Structure formats: C-alpha cells, structure tokens
PDB file of N, CA and C in Angstrom:
ATOM      1  N   MET A   1     -22.203 -20.030  -9.197  1.00  0.00           N
ATOM      2  CA  MET A   1     -21.164 -19.355  -8.158  1.00  0.00           C
ATOM      3  C   MET A   1     -19.430 -19.706  -8.974  1.00  0.00           C
ATOM      4  N   HIS A   2     -18.900 -18.918  -8.855  1.00  0.00           N
ATOM      5  CA  HIS A   2     -17.687 -18.948  -9.702  1.00  0.00           C
ATOM      6  C   HIS A   2     -16.408 -19.985  -8.948  1.00  0.00           C
ATOM      7  N   THR A   3     -16.038 -21.410  -9.038  1.00  0.00           N
ATOM      8  CA  THR A   3     -14.776 -21.782  -8.790  1.00  0.00           C
ATOM      9  C   THR A   3     -13.853 -21.685  -8.596  1.00  0.00           C
ATOM     10  N   SER A   4     -13.384 -20.435  -9.970  1.00  0.00           N
ATOM     11  CA  SER A   4     -12.008 -19.732 -10.172  1.00  0.00           C
ATOM     12  C   SER A   4     -12.706 -18.655 -10.314  1.00  0.00           C
ATOM     13  N   THR A   5     -11.153 -17.721 -10.077  1.00  0.00           N
ATOM     14  CA  THR A   5     -11.402 -16.173 -10.778  1.00  0.00           C
ATOM     15  C   THR A   5     -10.374 -15.625 -11.403  1.00  0.00           C
ATOM     16  N   SER A   6     -10.032 -14.781 -12.364  1.00  0.00           N
ATOM     17  CA  SER A   6      -9.608 -15.082 -13.745  1.00  0.00           C
ATOM     18  C   SER A   6      -8.462 -14.399 -12.647  1.00  0.00           C
ATOM     19  N   PRO A   7      -7.263 -14.138 -13.290  1.00  0.00           N
ATOM     20  CA  PRO A   7      -5.892 -13.541 -12.544  1.00  0.00           C
ATOM     21  C   PRO A   7      -5.766 -11.776 -13.001  1.00  0.00           C
ATOM     22  N   ASP A   8      -6.650 -11.828 -14.486  1.00  0.00           N
ATOM     23  CA  ASP A   8      -6.968 -10.238 -14.042  1.00  0.00           C
ATOM     24  C   ASP A   8      -7.993  -9.801 -13.021  1.00  0.00           C
ATOM     25  N   ARG A   9      -8.993 -10.448 -12.933  1.00  0.00           N
ATOM     26  CA  ARG A   9      -9.830  -9.703 -11.902  1.00  0.00           C
ATOM     27  C   ARG A   9      -9.386  -9.624 -10.341  1.00  0.00           C
ATOM     28  N   LEU A  10      -8.413 -11.321  -9.669  1.00  0.00           N
ATOM     29  CA  LEU A  10      -7.732 -10.624  -8.987  1.00  0.00           C
ATOM     30  C   LEU A  10      -6.586  -9.809  -8.379  1.00  0.00           C
ATOM     31  N   ILE A  11      -6.542  -9.527 -10.169  1.00  0.00           N
ATOM     32  CA  ILE A  11      -5.416  -8.278  -9.600  1.00  0.00           C
ATOM     33  C   ILE A  11      -5.859  -7.078  -9.303  1.00  0.00           C
ATOM     34  N   TYR A  12      -7.483  -7.133 -10.603  1.00  0.00           N
ATOM     35  CA  TYR A  12      -7.921  -5.664  -9.670  1.00  0.00           C
ATOM     36  C   TYR A  12      -8.687  -5.692  -8.980  1.00  0.00           C
ATOM     37  N   MET A  13      -8.397  -6.743  -8.126  1.00  0.00           N
ATOM     38  CA  MET A  13     -10.024  -7.061  -6.443  1.00  0.00           C
ATOM     39  C   MET A  13      -7.918  -6.596  -5.602  1.00  0.00           C
ATOM     40  N   ALA A  14      -7.094  -7.101  -5.770  1.00  0.00           N
ATOM     41  CA  ALA A  14      -6.431  -6.384  -4.510  1.00  0.00           C
ATOM     42  C   ALA A  14      -5.730  -5.326  -5.103  1.00  0.00           C
ATOM     43  N   ASN A  15      -5.380  -4.134  -5.923  1.00  0.00           N
ATOM     44  CA  ASN A  15      -5.119  -3.235  -6.168  1.00  0.00           C
ATOM     45  C   ASN A  15      -6.751  -2.478  -5.740  1.00  0.00           C
ATOM     46  N   GLN A  16      -7.396  -2.489  -6.380  1.00  0.00           N
ATOM     47  CA  GLN A  16      -9.442  -2.134  -5.447  1.00  0.00           C
ATOM     48  C   GLN A  16      -9.149  -2.263  -3.504  1.00  0.00           C
ATOM     49  N   ILE A  17      -8.244  -3.139  -3.121  1.00  0.00           N
ATOM     50  CA  ILE A  17      -7.968  -2.947  -2.206  1.00  0.00           C
ATOM     51  C   ILE A  17      -7.050  -2.379  -1.799  1.00  0.00           C
ATOM     52  N   GLY A  18      -5.698  -2.430  -2.121  1.00  0.00           N
ATOM     53  CA  GLY A  18      -5.092  -1.379  -1.576  1.00  0.00           C
ATOM     54  C   GLY A  18      -5.250   0.346  -1.714  1.00  0.00           C
ATOM     55  N   THR A  19      -5.654   0.395  -3.277  1.00  0.00           N
ATOM     56  CA  THR A  19      -6.362   1.836  -3.197  1.00  0.00           C
ATOM     57  C   THR A  19      -7.180   2.007  -1.574  1.00  0.00           C
ATOM     58  N   PHE A  20      -7.995   1.587  -1.776  1.00  0.00           N
ATOM     59  CA  PHE A  20      -8.934   1.808  -0.314  1.00  0.00           C
ATOM     60  C   PHE A  20      -8.075   2.439   1.054  1.00  0.00           C
ATOM     61  N   PHE A  21      -6.481   1.601   1.183  1.00  0.00           N
ATOM     62  CA  PHE A  21      -6.040   1.391   2.261  1.00  0.00           C
ATOM     63  C   PHE A  21      -4.727   2.478   2.320  1.00  0.00           C
ATOM     64  N   ASN A  22      -4.657   2.675   1.240  1.00  0.00           N
ATOM     65  CA  ASN A  22      -3.506   4.196   0.596  1.00  0.00           C
ATOM     66  C   ASN A  22      -3.482   4.823   1.461  1.00  0.00           C
ATOM     67  N   SER A  23      -4.792   5.780   1.028  1.00  0.00           N
ATOM     68  CA  SER A  23      -4.845   6.630   2.142  1.00  0.00           C
ATOM     69  C   SER A  23      -4.367   7.071   3.103  1.00  0.00           C
ATOM     70  N   GLN A  24      -4.367   5.263   4.013  1.00  0.00           N
ATOM     71  CA  GLN A  24      -3.980   6.060   5.594  1.00  0.00           C
ATOM     72  C   GLN A  24      -2.273   6.068   5.724  1.00  0.00           C
ATOM     73  N   GLY A  25      -1.561   6.115   4.044  1.00  0.00           N
ATOM     74  CA  GLY A  25       0.008   5.732   4.347  1.00  0.00           C
ATOM     75  C   GLY A  25       0.214   4.363   4.504  1.00  0.00           C
ATOM     76  N   GLN A  26       1.424   3.387   3.548  1.00  0.00           N
ATOM     77  CA  GLN A  26       2.405   2.840   3.906  1.00  0.00           C
ATOM     78  C   GLN A  26       2.366   1.984   4.969  1.00  0.00           C
ATOM     79  N   ASP A  27       2.726   2.806   6.013  1.00  0.00           N
ATOM     80  CA  ASP A  27       2.821   2.338   7.070  1.00  0.00           C
ATOM     81  C   ASP A  27       1.406   1.418   7.940  1.00  0.00           C
ATOM     82  N   LYS A  28       0.232   1.797   7.225  1.00  0.00           N
ATOM     83  CA  LYS A  28      -1.141   1.643   7.891  1.00  0.00           C
ATOM     84  C   LYS A  28      -1.957   0.798   6.564  1.00  0.00           C
ATOM     85  N   ALA A  29      -1.517   0.755   5.610  1.00  0.00           N
ATOM     86  CA  ALA A  29      -2.046   0.103   4.229  1.00  0.00           C
ATOM     87  C   ALA A  29      -1.117  -1.204   3.646  1.00  0.00           C
ATOM     88  N   VAL A  30      -0.070  -1.654   3.645  1.00  0.00           N
ATOM     89  CA  VAL A  30       0.596  -2.744   4.264  1.00  0.00           C
ATOM     90  C   VAL A  30      -0.589  -3.981   5.260  1.00  0.00           C
ATOM     91  N   PRO A  31      -0.920  -3.141   6.275  1.00  0.00           N
ATOM     92  CA  PRO A  31      -1.002  -4.407   7.063  1.00  0.00           C
ATOM     93  C   PRO A  31      -2.486  -4.896   6.745  1.00  0.00           C
ATOM     94  N   GLY A  32      -2.845  -3.963   6.736  1.00  0.00           N
ATOM     95  CA  GLY A  32      -4.660  -3.276   6.546  1.00  0.00           C
ATOM     96  C   GLY A  32      -4.651  -4.599   5.256  1.00  0.00           C
ATOM     97  N   ILE A  33      -3.851  -4.126   4.305  1.00  0.00           N
ATOM     98  CA  ILE A  33      -4.342  -4.745   2.320  1.00  0.00           C
ATOM     99  C   ILE A  33      -5.002  -6.377   3.322  1.00  0.00           C
ATOM    100  N   THR A  34      -2.927  -6.752   3.556  1.00  0.00           N
ATOM    101  CA  THR A  34      -2.702  -8.675   4.552  1.00  0.00           C
ATOM    102  C   THR A  34      -4.109  -8.966   4.841  1.00  0.00           C
ATOM    103  N   GLU A  35      -4.365  -7.766   6.182  1.00  0.00           N
ATOM    104  CA  GLU A  35      -5.571  -9.093   7.248  1.00  0.00           C
ATOM    105  C   GLU A  35      -6.707  -8.389   5.882  1.00  0.00           C
ATOM    106  N   HIS A  36      -7.165  -7.743   5.084  1.00  0.00           N
ATOM    107  CA  HIS A  36      -8.406  -7.971   4.281  1.00  0.00           C
ATOM    108  C   HIS A  36      -8.299  -9.292   3.669  1.00  0.00           C
ATOM    109  N   ILE A  37      -6.719  -9.056   3.018  1.00  0.00           N
ATOM    110  CA  ILE A  37      -6.666 -10.640   2.122  1.00  0.00           C
ATOM    111  C   ILE A  37      -7.036 -11.890   2.451  1.00  0.00           C
ATOM    112  N   ARG A  38      -6.128 -11.601   4.009  1.00  0.00           N
ATOM    113  CA  ARG A  38      -6.139 -13.237   4.842  1.00  0.00           C
ATOM    114  C   ARG A  38      -7.435 -13.226   5.513  1.00  0.00           C
ATOM    115  N   LYS A  39      -8.351 -11.803   5.531  1.00  0.00           N
ATOM    116  CA  LYS A  39      -9.544 -12.009   5.961  1.00  0.00           C
ATOM    117  C   LYS A  39     -10.896 -12.857   5.441  1.00  0.00           C
ATOM    118  N   PHE A  40     -10.972 -12.696   4.169  1.00  0.00           N
ATOM    119  CA  PHE A  40     -11.688 -12.379   3.202  1.00  0.00           C
ATOM    120  C   PHE A  40     -11.313 -12.900   1.955  1.00  0.00           C
ATOM    121  N   TRP A  41     -10.467 -13.653   1.338  1.00  0.00           N
ATOM    122  CA  TRP A  41      -9.832 -14.209   0.365  1.00  0.00           C
ATOM    123  C   TRP A  41     -10.280 -15.533   0.904  1.00  0.00           C
ATOM    124  N   ASP A  42     -10.987 -16.379  -0.292  1.00  0.00           N
ATOM    125  CA  ASP A  42     -11.447 -17.277  -0.733  1.00  0.00           C
ATOM    126  C   ASP A  42      -9.537 -17.957  -0.445  1.00  0.00           C
ATOM    127  N   PRO A  43      -9.322 -19.361   0.204  1.00  0.00           N
ATOM    128  CA  PRO A  43      -7.708 -19.725   0.134  1.00  0.00           C
ATOM    129  C   PRO A  43      -7.610 -20.066  -1.399  1.00  0.00           C
ATOM    130  N   ARG A  44      -8.562 -20.568  -2.702  1.00  0.00           N
ATOM    131  CA  ARG A  44      -7.945 -20.626  -3.711  1.00  0.00           C
ATOM    132  C   ARG A  44      -7.381 -19.420  -4.660  1.00  0.00           C
ATOM    133  N   MET A  45      -9.166 -18.784  -3.832  1.00  0.00           N
ATOM    134  CA  MET A  45      -7.943 -16.831  -4.611  1.00  0.00           C
ATOM    135  C   MET A  45      -6.697 -16.040  -3.594  1.00  0.00           C
ATOM    136  N   ARG A  46      -6.038 -16.402  -2.342  1.00  0.00           N
ATOM    137  CA  ARG A  46      -5.322 -16.280  -2.096  1.00  0.00           C
ATOM    138  C   ARG A  46      -3.689 -17.486  -2.983  1.00  0.00           C
ATOM    139  N   LYS A  47      -4.361 -18.970  -3.083  1.00  0.00           N
ATOM    140  CA  LYS A  47      -3.249 -19.048  -3.981  1.00  0.00           C
ATOM    141  C   LYS A  47      -2.988 -18.947  -5.332  1.00  0.00           C
ATOM    142  N   GLN A  48      -4.365 -18.785  -6.045  1.00  0.00           N
ATOM    143  CA  GLN A  48      -3.993 -17.483  -7.703  1.00  0.00           C
ATOM    144  C   GLN A  48      -3.359 -16.601  -7.001  1.00  0.00           C
ATOM    145  N   ILE A  49      -3.942 -15.538  -6.673  1.00  0.00           N
ATOM    146  CA  ILE A  49      -2.687 -14.081  -6.675  1.00  0.00           C
ATOM    147  C   ILE A  49      -1.241 -14.723  -6.170  1.00  0.00           C
ATOM    148  N   MET A  50      -0.530 -15.349  -5.142  1.00  0.00           N
ATOM    149  CA  MET A  50       0.245 -15.363  -4.799  1.00  0.00           C
ATOM    150  C   MET A  50       1.176 -16.249  -5.701  1.00  0.00           C
ATOM    151  N   ALA A  51       0.685 -17.270  -6.378  1.00  0.00           N
ATOM    152  CA  ALA A  51       0.797 -17.547  -8.212  1.00  0.00           C
ATOM    153  C   ALA A  51       1.057 -16.321  -8.781  1.00  0.00           C
ATOM    154  N   HIS A  52       0.643 -15.845  -8.728  1.00  0.00           N
ATOM    155  CA  HIS A  52       0.531 -14.532  -9.894  1.00  0.00           C
ATOM    156  C   HIS A  52       1.959 -13.739  -9.684  1.00  0.00           C
ATOM    157  N   LEU A  53       1.880 -13.688  -7.838  1.00  0.00           N
ATOM    158  CA  LEU A  53       2.778 -12.854  -7.276  1.00  0.00           C
ATOM    159  C   LEU A  53       4.325 -13.486  -7.711  1.00  0.00           C
ATOM    160  N   GLU A  54       4.952 -15.211  -7.280  1.00  0.00           N
ATOM    161  CA  GLU A  54       5.853 -16.067  -7.596  1.00  0.00           C
ATOM    162  C   GLU A  54       5.606 -15.033  -9.375  1.00  0.00           C
ATOM    163  N   ALA A  55       5.097 -15.243  -9.676  1.00  0.00           N
ATOM    164  CA  ALA A  55       5.427 -15.500 -11.706  1.00  0.00           C
ATOM    165  C   ALA A  55       5.930 -13.755 -11.643  1.00  0.00           C
ATOM    166  N   GLY A  56       5.846 -13.084 -10.990  1.00  0.00           N
ATOM    167  CA  GLY A  56       6.210 -11.335 -11.371  1.00  0.00           C
ATOM    168  C   GLY A  56       5.166 -10.636 -11.167  1.00  0.00           C
ATOM    169  N   GLY A  57       4.236 -10.819 -10.565  1.00  0.00           N
ATOM    170  CA  GLY A  57       3.364  -9.472 -10.072  1.00  0.00           C
ATOM    171  C   GLY A  57       2.902  -8.942 -10.708  1.00  0.00           C
ATOM    172  N   GLU A  58       3.367  -9.307 -12.188  1.00  0.00           N
ATOM    173  CA  GLU A  58       2.765  -7.871 -13.096  1.00  0.00           C
ATOM    174  C   GLU A  58       1.464  -6.999 -13.032  1.00  0.00           C
ATOM    175  N   GLY A  59       1.110  -6.157 -13.031  1.00  0.00           N
ATOM    176  CA  GLY A  59      -0.312  -5.193 -12.609  1.00  0.00           C
ATOM    177  C   GLY A  59      -0.140  -5.289 -10.847  1.00  0.00           C
ATOM    178  N   LEU A  60       0.288  -5.340 -10.651  1.00  0.00           N
ATOM    179  CA  LEU A  60       0.003  -5.583  -9.250  1.00  0.00           C
ATOM    180  C   LEU A  60       0.618  -4.250  -8.758  1.00  0.00           C
ATOM    181  N   ASP A  61       0.046  -2.956  -7.777  1.00  0.00           N
ATOM    182  CA  ASP A  61       0.008  -2.553  -7.366  1.00  0.00           C
ATOM    183  C   ASP A  61       1.927  -2.656  -6.082  1.00  0.00           C
ATOM    184  N   PRO A  62       2.393  -1.290  -6.054  1.00  0.00           N
ATOM    185  CA  PRO A  62       3.939  -1.244  -4.690  1.00  0.00           C
ATOM    186  C   PRO A  62       3.743  -2.396  -4.074  1.00  0.00           C
ATOM    187  N   ASN A  63       1.905  -1.105  -3.236  1.00  0.00           N
ATOM    188  CA  ASN A  63       1.822  -1.676  -1.545  1.00  0.00           C
ATOM    189  C   ASN A  63       0.761  -3.088  -1.376  1.00  0.00           C
ATOM    190  N   VAL A  64       0.563  -3.631  -2.501  1.00  0.00           N
ATOM    191  CA  VAL A  64      -0.333  -4.796  -2.475  1.00  0.00           C
ATOM    192  C   VAL A  64       0.442  -5.716  -2.649  1.00  0.00           C
ATOM    193  N   ARG A  65       1.600  -5.952  -3.477  1.00  0.00           N
ATOM    194  CA  ARG A  65       2.651  -6.693  -3.825  1.00  0.00           C
ATOM    195  C   ARG A  65       3.397  -6.813  -2.253  1.00  0.00           C
ATOM    196  N   VAL A  66       3.968  -5.493  -1.837  1.00  0.00           N
ATOM    197  CA  VAL A  66       4.257  -5.830  -0.389  1.00  0.00           C
ATOM    198  C   VAL A  66       3.175  -7.094   0.777  1.00  0.00           C
ATOM    199  N   ALA A  67       2.556  -6.011   0.292  1.00  0.00           N
ATOM    200  CA  ALA A  67       1.095  -6.918   1.528  1.00  0.00           C
ATOM    201  C   ALA A  67       1.178  -8.387   1.451  1.00  0.00           C
ATOM    202  N   LEU A  68       1.166  -8.592  -0.267  1.00  0.00           N
ATOM    203  CA  LEU A  68       1.211 -10.365  -0.354  1.00  0.00           C
ATOM    204  C   LEU A  68       2.636 -11.036  -0.063  1.00  0.00           C
ATOM    205  N   ALA A  69       3.944  -9.964  -0.219  1.00  0.00           N
ATOM    206  CA  ALA A  69       4.763 -11.488   0.415  1.00  0.00           C
ATOM    207  C   ALA A  69       4.475 -11.076   2.142  1.00  0.00           C
ATOM    208  N   ALA A  70       4.182 -10.099   2.193  1.00  0.00           N
ATOM    209  CA  ALA A  70       3.880 -10.658   4.189  1.00  0.00           C
ATOM    210  C   ALA A  70       3.093 -11.690   4.209  1.00  0.00           C
ATOM    211  N   LEU A  71       2.464 -12.103   3.027  1.00  0.00           N
ATOM    212  CA  LEU A  71       0.966 -12.899   3.921  1.00  0.00           C
ATOM    213  C   LEU A  71       1.558 -13.968   3.495  1.00  0.00           C
ATOM    214  N   LYS A  72       2.366 -14.127   2.588  1.00  0.00           N
ATOM    215  CA  LYS A  72       3.220 -15.525   2.314  1.00  0.00           C
ATOM    216  C   LYS A  72       3.741 -15.792   3.669  1.00  0.00           C
ATOM    217  N   ASN A  73       4.814 -14.823   4.052  1.00  0.00           N
ATOM    218  CA  ASN A  73       5.189 -15.709   5.162  1.00  0.00           C
ATOM    219  C   ASN A  73       5.002 -16.104   6.474  1.00  0.00           C
TER     220      ASN A  73
END
C-alpha cells in the first residue's frame, strides 16, 4: 500500500472526477466533486491536493479548483 501519492497522480485523479461530474453542468459538478473528494479521498491525499492548489494548482481543471476551494472552507 502506498502511503503517498504523487502530485501528478492526484491531479489526474481529481481531473477524472471532474470530467465525470462536468456532464451534469457546473451547478451540480462542483458540489459533486467536492463531496466525492471529501468522502473517498484519504486525509493525506486531501492535504496534498490542497497544498498543490495553494501553490497555484497547475494542471487542475477549473471546476476542480472551485470544488477544492469549497472543500477548504
């Protein structure tokens, strides 16, 4: 079992979640992404992706950025 996931892998995973929810429109996509990451991502993964967002969030899709910002609050 991996105790850490690379930032590139987390970006890929977050964007895949975003792609899934984007078909529902932004009104539903952002809360869906937020809830999925809150429920299913390990706290260490959430901490890593938040650190990446705070460092500029390079590579993250727009709805994923909004969802992560909502998760942070």
